[in-house]
Protein backbone atom coordinates (compact mmCIF):
# COMPACT_ATOMS: atom_id res chain seq x y z
CA MET A 1 -4.40 25.79 3.73
CA THR A 2 -3.81 23.00 6.38
CA LEU A 3 -5.79 19.47 5.01
CA ASP A 4 -7.81 18.42 8.24
CA PHE A 5 -6.99 14.53 7.79
CA ALA A 6 -8.69 13.66 11.02
CA ALA A 7 -11.91 15.12 9.31
CA LEU A 8 -11.43 13.44 6.04
CA SER A 9 -11.16 10.00 7.79
CA ARG A 10 -14.35 10.75 9.67
CA SER A 11 -15.91 11.76 6.50
CA ARG A 12 -14.70 8.48 4.91
CA GLN A 13 -15.95 6.45 7.84
CA CYS A 14 -19.31 8.38 7.85
CA SER A 15 -19.58 7.44 4.30
CA THR A 16 -18.94 3.85 4.52
CA LEU A 17 -21.48 3.55 7.56
CA SER A 18 -23.93 5.33 5.41
CA ARG A 19 -23.52 2.82 2.42
CA ARG A 20 -24.03 -0.20 5.36
CA ASN A 21 -27.06 1.15 6.45
CA HIS A 22 -29.16 2.23 3.38
CA GLY A 23 -32.34 1.17 3.48
CA ASN A 24 -32.07 0.18 7.26
CA GLU A 25 -34.28 2.35 8.93
CA ARG A 26 -33.09 1.32 12.32
CA GLY A 27 -29.40 1.68 11.20
CA SER A 28 -28.71 -1.69 12.61
CA PHE A 29 -25.22 -3.21 11.60
CA HIS A 30 -25.38 -4.57 8.26
CA VAL A 31 -24.59 -8.55 8.49
CA LEU A 32 -23.21 -10.05 5.12
CA PRO A 33 -25.01 -12.87 3.09
CA ARG A 34 -23.10 -16.19 3.25
CA SER A 35 -19.82 -15.92 1.15
CA LYS A 36 -17.97 -18.19 -1.11
CA LEU A 37 -14.72 -17.41 1.04
CA SER A 38 -12.44 -20.63 0.86
CA ILE A 39 -10.43 -22.04 3.66
CA MET A 40 -7.47 -20.37 2.57
CA GLU A 41 -6.11 -17.33 4.93
CA LEU A 42 -2.85 -15.51 4.79
CA SER A 43 -1.29 -18.26 6.87
CA HIS A 44 -1.44 -20.83 4.06
CA PHE A 45 1.09 -18.63 2.23
CA ILE A 46 3.80 -18.32 4.51
CA ASN A 47 7.19 -18.80 2.95
CA LYS A 48 5.26 -19.85 -0.19
CA TYR A 49 7.99 -18.17 -2.49
CA ALA A 50 10.80 -18.17 0.10
CA GLY A 51 13.68 -16.47 -1.34
CA GLN A 52 12.30 -15.65 -4.78
CA THR A 53 11.82 -12.69 -6.82
CA ALA A 54 8.62 -10.79 -7.84
CA TRP A 55 7.09 -8.56 -10.27
CA LEU A 56 4.35 -6.09 -8.79
CA PHE A 57 2.86 -3.74 -11.26
CA GLY A 58 0.78 -0.55 -10.63
CA LYS A 59 -0.42 2.17 -13.33
CA GLY A 60 1.83 4.56 -13.46
CA PRO A 61 3.53 5.91 -16.89
CA SER A 62 6.21 3.20 -17.04
CA PHE A 63 3.73 0.68 -17.10
CA SER A 64 2.98 1.79 -20.83
CA THR A 65 6.80 1.20 -21.92
CA PHE A 66 7.51 -1.79 -20.14
CA ASP A 67 8.39 -5.01 -22.03
CA PHE A 68 6.79 -7.79 -20.55
CA LYS A 69 9.36 -10.34 -21.73
CA GLN A 70 11.82 -8.99 -19.18
CA ALA A 71 9.18 -10.02 -16.31
CA GLY A 72 9.68 -13.04 -14.32
CA LYS A 73 7.08 -15.40 -13.94
CA LEU A 74 5.72 -14.70 -10.49
CA ARG A 75 3.56 -11.61 -11.05
CA PHE A 76 1.48 -9.50 -8.94
CA ALA A 77 -0.78 -6.68 -9.84
CA ILE A 78 -2.73 -3.57 -7.96
CA ASN A 79 -6.66 -3.13 -8.49
CA ASP A 80 -7.72 -3.20 -12.43
CA VAL A 81 -4.09 -3.39 -13.35
CA ILE A 82 -4.41 -6.85 -13.59
CA ALA A 83 -6.19 -7.18 -16.78
CA HIS A 84 -3.54 -6.07 -18.49
CA VAL A 85 -0.83 -8.18 -17.21
CA PRO A 86 -0.31 -11.33 -18.95
CA ASP A 87 -0.03 -14.46 -17.01
CA CYS A 88 -0.50 -12.63 -13.50
CA GLN A 89 -1.47 -15.01 -10.77
CA TYR A 90 -2.30 -12.50 -7.88
CA GLY A 91 -4.18 -9.50 -7.30
CA PHE A 92 -4.32 -6.90 -4.57
CA ALA A 93 -7.00 -4.44 -3.75
CA ASN A 94 -7.39 -2.18 -0.66
CA ASP A 95 -11.12 -1.10 -1.70
CA GLY A 96 -14.20 -2.63 -3.31
CA VAL A 97 -13.87 -3.78 -6.30
CA ALA A 98 -16.95 -3.33 -7.99
CA LYS A 99 -15.72 -1.09 -10.98
CA TRP A 100 -13.49 -3.88 -11.97
CA ALA A 101 -15.15 -6.75 -10.65
CA ASP A 102 -15.45 -8.90 -14.00
CA VAL A 103 -11.71 -8.73 -15.10
CA TYR A 104 -10.63 -11.48 -12.56
CA GLN A 105 -10.29 -14.91 -13.85
CA LYS A 106 -10.60 -18.45 -12.54
CA ASN A 107 -6.75 -19.06 -11.90
CA GLN A 108 -6.38 -15.84 -10.18
CA ILE A 109 -6.27 -15.13 -6.33
CA LEU A 110 -7.40 -11.73 -4.69
CA PHE A 111 -6.32 -10.63 -1.55
CA GLN A 112 -8.93 -7.81 0.07
CA PRO A 113 -8.77 -6.26 3.70
CA SER A 114 -12.27 -7.63 5.22
CA ARG A 115 -12.63 -3.90 6.26
CA CYS A 116 -13.95 -3.19 2.63
CA LEU A 117 -16.12 -5.94 1.95
CA HIS A 118 -18.95 -3.81 2.78
CA GLU A 119 -18.28 -1.62 -0.02
CA TYR A 120 -18.50 -4.55 -2.37
CA ASN A 121 -18.69 -8.14 -1.10
CA SER A 122 -16.22 -10.11 -3.68
CA THR A 123 -16.38 -12.99 -1.65
CA LEU A 124 -20.00 -13.49 -2.46
CA PRO A 125 -21.10 -16.32 -5.13
CA ASN A 126 -20.60 -14.54 -8.60
CA ALA A 127 -19.25 -11.46 -7.34
CA VAL A 128 -16.00 -12.39 -9.00
CA ALA A 129 -14.48 -15.54 -10.57
CA CYS A 130 -11.45 -15.64 -8.82
CA GLU A 131 -10.35 -17.05 -5.11
CA VAL A 132 -10.62 -14.13 -2.81
CA VAL A 133 -8.36 -13.95 0.54
CA THR A 134 -9.39 -11.62 2.99
CA PHE A 135 -7.39 -10.52 5.77
CA LYS A 136 -7.16 -8.39 9.21
CA ASP A 137 -5.54 -4.87 9.19
CA ASP A 138 -5.28 -2.19 11.73
CA SER A 139 -2.95 1.43 11.98
CA ASP A 140 -0.27 -0.25 14.05
CA ASP A 141 3.25 0.05 12.04
CA TYR A 142 5.08 -1.88 14.42
CA ARG A 143 3.42 -4.92 12.86
CA LEU A 144 6.18 -4.64 10.09
CA THR A 145 8.72 -5.65 12.46
CA HIS A 146 6.66 -8.84 13.52
CA SER A 147 7.71 -12.44 12.30
CA ARG A 148 5.74 -13.47 8.92
CA GLU A 149 3.47 -15.73 11.39
CA GLN A 150 2.46 -12.89 13.56
CA LEU A 151 1.72 -10.25 10.31
CA ALA A 152 -0.12 -12.90 8.51
CA GLN A 153 -2.78 -12.43 11.51
CA CYS A 154 -3.15 -8.95 11.05
CA LEU A 155 -1.76 -6.34 8.65
CA SER A 156 -0.61 -2.71 9.12
CA ILE A 157 -2.34 -0.33 7.35
CA ARG A 158 0.19 1.59 5.19
CA ARG A 159 -0.63 4.18 2.63
CA GLY A 160 -2.30 2.72 -0.51
CA THR A 161 -2.89 -0.73 -1.52
CA LEU A 162 0.77 -1.45 -2.21
CA GLY A 163 1.70 -0.97 1.39
CA SER A 164 -0.72 -3.89 2.01
CA ALA A 165 0.94 -6.01 -1.04
CA LEU A 166 4.44 -5.73 0.09
CA GLN A 167 3.42 -7.13 3.57
CA ILE A 168 1.66 -9.92 1.96
CA LEU A 169 5.11 -10.42 -0.39
CA HIS A 170 6.94 -10.77 2.68
CA ILE A 171 4.84 -13.16 4.42
CA MET A 172 5.41 -15.31 1.05
CA GLY A 173 8.98 -15.15 1.92
CA ILE A 174 9.76 -12.84 -1.19
CA LYS A 175 13.33 -11.08 -1.21
CA SER A 176 13.41 -8.84 -4.13
CA VAL A 177 10.74 -7.00 -5.95
CA HIS A 178 10.57 -5.50 -9.01
CA LEU A 179 7.96 -2.83 -9.17
CA VAL A 180 6.53 -1.45 -12.90
CA GLY A 181 4.18 1.56 -12.84
CA ILE A 182 4.59 2.66 -9.40
CA ASP A 183 6.11 6.14 -10.28
CA GLY A 184 4.72 8.60 -7.71
CA GLY A 185 3.32 11.76 -9.18
CA GLY A 186 -0.25 12.27 -11.10
CA THR A 187 -0.37 10.40 -14.07
CA HIS A 188 -1.59 7.02 -15.32
CA ALA A 189 -0.16 5.13 -17.64
CA GLN A 190 -1.79 6.04 -21.74
CA GLY A 191 -3.18 4.33 -24.13
CA ILE A 192 -5.14 1.95 -21.47
CA GLU A 193 -8.83 2.66 -20.28
CA TRP A 194 -8.64 2.51 -16.47
CA ARG A 195 -11.50 1.51 -14.45
CA THR A 196 -10.64 4.33 -11.99
CA ARG A 197 -9.84 7.93 -12.63
CA LEU A 198 -7.25 10.29 -11.27
CA ARG A 199 -8.33 12.72 -8.26
CA HIS A 200 -6.86 16.44 -7.96
CA ASP A 201 -4.71 14.95 -5.29
CA HIS A 202 -3.34 11.96 -6.52
CA ALA A 203 0.06 13.29 -7.07
CA ALA A 204 0.30 13.71 -3.34
CA ASP A 205 -1.24 10.42 -2.45
CA TYR A 206 1.04 8.58 -5.22
CA ASN A 207 3.82 10.11 -3.57
CA ALA A 208 3.07 9.35 -0.13
CA ILE A 209 2.48 5.57 -0.91
CA ARG A 210 5.82 5.07 -2.99
CA SER A 211 7.36 6.75 0.10
CA ALA A 212 5.73 4.71 2.60
CA ALA A 213 6.39 1.64 0.60
CA ILE A 214 10.28 2.16 0.46
CA ASP A 215 10.50 2.29 4.34
CA ALA A 216 8.18 -0.68 4.86
CA ALA A 217 10.04 -2.93 2.39
CA ALA A 218 13.59 -1.74 4.04
CA ILE A 219 12.22 -2.64 7.55
CA MET A 220 10.76 -5.94 6.38
CA GLY A 221 14.21 -6.89 4.57
CA ILE A 222 12.84 -6.70 0.88
CA THR A 223 15.01 -5.38 -1.96
CA LEU A 224 12.89 -3.10 -4.27
CA LYS A 225 13.90 -2.48 -7.96
CA PHE A 226 11.97 0.35 -9.69
CA HIS A 227 11.66 0.47 -13.39
CA ASN A 228 11.25 4.12 -14.89
CA GLN A 229 12.29 6.24 -17.54
CA ASP A 230 12.93 8.64 -14.90
CA HIS A 231 16.26 9.73 -13.03
CA THR A 232 17.05 7.24 -9.56
CA MET A 233 17.75 8.18 -5.87
CA GLU A 234 19.73 5.91 -3.90
CA THR A 235 18.15 5.67 -0.44
CA ASN A 236 20.84 4.36 1.65
CA GLY A 237 22.25 6.49 4.49
CA ARG A 238 18.17 7.30 5.62
CA ILE A 239 17.83 7.19 9.47
CA PHE A 240 14.34 5.65 10.41
CA VAL A 241 12.57 7.19 13.20
CA ARG A 242 8.78 6.65 14.96
CA MET A 243 6.77 9.74 15.11
CA THR A 244 5.72 10.74 18.66
CA ARG A 245 3.91 13.73 17.33
CA ASN A 246 1.52 14.60 14.49
CA CYS A 247 3.52 16.55 11.98
CA PHE A 248 4.39 17.50 8.42
CA ALA A 249 7.79 16.54 7.23
CA ASN A 250 9.09 16.67 3.31
CA ALA A 251 5.40 18.14 2.62
CA LEU A 252 3.95 14.85 3.85
CA PRO A 253 1.76 14.00 6.79
CA TYR A 254 2.98 11.92 9.49
CA SER A 255 0.71 10.56 12.67
CA VAL A 256 1.60 9.44 16.27
CA GLY A 257 3.44 5.81 15.96
CA GLU A 258 4.08 6.11 12.32
CA ILE A 259 7.40 4.72 11.05
CA ALA A 260 9.36 6.27 8.50
CA SER A 261 12.81 7.07 7.32
CA PHE A 262 14.30 10.33 6.44
CA SER A 263 18.03 12.35 5.58
CA PRO A 264 19.83 12.31 8.69
CA LYS A 265 19.59 16.11 8.97
CA ILE A 266 15.56 15.63 8.78
CA ALA A 267 15.64 13.06 11.11
CA GLN A 268 17.76 14.87 13.75
CA GLU A 269 15.68 17.86 13.23
CA LEU A 270 12.39 15.77 14.24
CA ILE A 271 13.93 14.12 17.28
CA SER A 272 15.18 17.87 18.70
CA ASN A 273 11.66 19.20 18.10
CA ARG A 274 10.35 15.96 20.07
CA CYS A 275 8.60 15.13 17.11
CA ALA A 276 9.88 11.34 16.64
CA GLU A 277 11.89 9.32 18.39
CA PRO A 278 14.93 6.81 16.86
CA PHE A 279 13.92 3.69 15.94
CA SER A 280 16.02 1.04 14.50
CA PRO A 281 14.45 -1.92 11.99
CA PRO A 282 15.11 -5.57 13.31
CA THR A 283 15.92 -5.94 9.33
CA GLN A 284 17.22 -3.39 7.04
CA THR A 285 17.71 -3.65 3.41
CA PRO A 286 18.79 -0.91 1.30
CA ILE A 287 16.60 -0.23 -1.58
CA GLU A 288 18.60 -0.39 -5.11
CA THR A 289 17.06 2.27 -6.89
CA ALA A 290 13.69 4.39 -6.67
CA VAL A 291 12.27 7.16 -8.94
CA ALA A 292 11.10 10.75 -8.20
CA PRO A 293 13.27 11.99 -5.28
CA MET A 294 12.11 13.28 -2.20
CA VAL A 295 11.95 16.99 -1.45
CA ASP A 296 15.75 18.37 -0.72
CA ALA A 297 16.46 18.10 2.84
CA GLU A 298 17.50 21.80 2.98
CA LYS A 299 13.87 22.97 1.57
CA ALA A 300 12.02 20.27 3.62
CA ILE A 301 9.45 22.08 6.27
CA ILE A 302 8.83 20.23 9.83
CA LYS A 303 5.85 21.56 11.43
CA THR A 304 3.53 19.98 14.35
CA THR A 305 -0.09 19.91 13.81
CA LYS A 306 -3.24 18.42 14.90
CA VAL A 307 -4.11 16.14 12.12
CA SER A 308 -4.39 12.35 11.47
CA LYS A 309 -3.49 10.91 8.39
CA ALA A 310 -6.30 9.29 6.63
CA LYS A 311 -5.05 5.86 5.53
CA LYS A 312 -6.54 3.66 2.69
């Protein structure tokens, strides 16, 4: 059974519009009340931590076994994970934060795309205790090749919050990122009451998010170090391409214009089938280690289909 990602995307958009217009019989556009948003924008963070190493935390299984004494002082967290990371300075969210709005502290900063404020407007007074910095984003993957100054004006919507987080770290000038709890698969760290629950398709989501993050980091010149009990995979030698048709490769959906990396065999098959064209990132830093290897190239199936990837 093939998932209709285009229909899924339309459904989410309609759901969002429905929430926006709830209680408004005429269905006119809902204007947000005056916010507490500061004058800070992403541009204020350009090269703030130039050349430094960051620690980024997700809620994968490796989070529950990690010793925080190993972590450096520059700490970032995704969604409600920020409540469980000692001395965490920054948080990222790609959706409304209503379920965990109370966990933010006054000395923290939350980065959030402006498109999600209709779900929960975190910029309103008393919505969250921390500072909120909003940003624009769209589906143009080529933005990953732009300068920090250009990228700060508009990010690329990559799969999941992790994609946005890495772009913001790049804007900050970060050169190396340790990732804890970014494991792929379909489970969360045990022993913690998370505010968000797993869906039946989270395994595919998390694998796709991790894969897209590896590609984005390589394009932007960021070195990733995954902390996990699982075995590791070297990503050196992978070939970057730009998709020219909507298709599936290595069991993941890709849409026109998306930039991704594959083994030489799969990349050549995509190019030969006119599903992709060669792409040379301006900066390409090899990822040191990454967990949960992708589907074996010999078993990978490439097929074109009329789908559009739903991006969160």
